[in-house]
Each structure stands twice: as structure tokens, then as C-alpha cells.
Protein backbone atom coordinates (compact mmCIF):
# COMPACT_ATOMS: atom_id res chain seq x y z
CA MET A 1 -0.02 -0.18 -0.04
CA THR A 2 1.31 3.26 -0.87
CA THR A 3 1.21 6.58 0.65
CA SER A 4 -0.07 9.64 -1.15
CA PRO A 5 1.46 12.83 -0.23
CA ASN A 6 -2.07 14.37 0.52
CA THR A 7 -2.00 11.80 3.45
CA LYS A 8 1.43 12.85 4.80
CA LEU A 9 0.11 16.37 4.38
CA LEU A 10 -2.82 15.57 6.92
CA LYS A 11 -0.50 14.54 9.38
CA ASN A 12 0.88 18.25 9.40
CA ARG A 13 -0.84 20.28 12.19
CA LYS A 14 -0.41 23.47 10.48
CA VAL A 15 -2.13 21.84 7.45
CA ILE A 16 -5.28 20.95 9.78
CA GLU A 17 -5.22 24.40 10.83
CA GLU A 18 -5.63 25.82 7.37
CA ILE A 19 -8.37 23.05 6.49
CA ASN A 20 -10.39 24.02 9.65
CA ARG A 21 -9.89 27.55 8.56
CA HIS A 22 -11.04 26.79 4.98
CA ARG A 23 -13.91 24.76 6.48
CA TRP A 24 -15.06 27.55 8.49
CA ILE A 25 -14.92 30.10 5.78
CA GLU A 26 -16.64 27.77 3.13
CA SER A 27 -19.39 26.69 5.89
CA GLU A 28 -20.16 30.51 6.39
CA LYS A 29 -20.54 30.86 2.50
CA ALA A 30 -22.69 27.99 2.13
CA GLY A 31 -24.81 28.71 5.40
CA HIS A 32 -24.05 25.22 7.14
CA ASP A 33 -21.42 23.09 8.09
CA ILE A 34 -19.75 21.62 5.08
CA GLY A 35 -17.90 19.09 7.00
CA PHE A 36 -14.13 18.36 7.51
CA GLU A 37 -14.14 15.63 4.56
CA LYS A 38 -15.37 17.97 1.89
CA ALA A 39 -13.20 20.75 3.26
CA SER A 40 -10.20 18.83 3.15
CA MET A 41 -10.74 17.66 -0.32
CA ASP A 42 -11.62 21.16 -1.50
CA TRP A 43 -8.11 22.64 0.21
CA LEU A 44 -6.18 20.10 -1.10
CA GLU A 45 -7.36 20.34 -4.75
CA ARG A 46 -7.10 24.24 -4.66
CA PHE A 47 -4.59 25.24 -2.13
CA SER A 48 -2.11 22.37 -1.30
CA LYS A 49 0.12 22.99 -3.83
CA ALA A 50 0.63 26.82 -3.02
CA TRP A 51 1.09 26.14 0.74
CA MET A 52 3.74 23.61 0.05
CA ASP A 53 5.51 25.78 -2.17
CA TYR A 54 5.41 28.37 0.50
CA HIS A 55 5.99 26.45 3.67
CA MET A 56 7.96 23.59 2.33
CA PRO A 57 10.37 25.40 -0.55
CA ASN A 58 13.07 22.77 0.23
CA ARG A 59 11.05 19.55 -0.56
CA LYS A 60 11.48 20.51 -4.26
CA ASP A 61 15.25 20.92 -3.87
CA ALA A 62 15.53 17.70 -1.96
CA ALA A 63 13.56 15.56 -4.78
CA ALA A 64 16.12 17.21 -7.39
CA ALA A 65 18.93 16.25 -5.39
CA ASP A 66 17.64 12.67 -5.17
CA THR A 67 17.23 12.55 -8.78
CA LYS A 68 20.84 13.68 -9.70
CA SER A 69 22.36 11.44 -7.02
CA ALA A 70 20.63 8.41 -8.70
CA SER A 71 21.56 8.94 -11.82
CA PRO A 72 25.11 7.42 -13.09
CA LYS A 73 27.94 9.99 -13.36
CA LYS A 74 30.17 9.64 -16.39
CA SER A 75 33.85 9.50 -15.82
CA ALA A 76 36.13 12.29 -17.32
CA SER A 77 38.54 9.62 -18.72
CA SER A 78 35.87 8.01 -21.01
């Protein structure tokens, strides 16, 4: 069983706070409680990328470094 990036995000306390804030705002707009599940799916779809870009900027650098280190290096003498 694989773990999706969204599952990992949902373990982050700050993400849960953002989703609860989103739930409150969207519930106010709708005139009723939209629930955590709907709010989390909506937030993950609409805002998670921007949130990660701002709060986790090094994640891209780490992924790029892993890709570079995994590729074989050519020797200068070849």
C-alpha cells in the first residue's frame, strides 16, 4: 500500500489548521457546516500546492538532489 502526498500532508498540524479555517470560511458561505471531509478535499485540490511551495520550499530541492544522485556519473576519462 502506498502513501499519497496528501495523506502525509494531513498529518501536519499546520495543514489541519488551514483546512479547519477553510472549512469555517466555506461553511459561512454555504450557510451550513460543509464538514471536514469536503473541506479537506477542496483545500487539497485548490490550495495545497501553493501552501507547500510557501511552507516547504526545500522539498523540491531535495527531490531534485535525489534524482541527480541516483543517475550514474560519467567519468572524465571515458
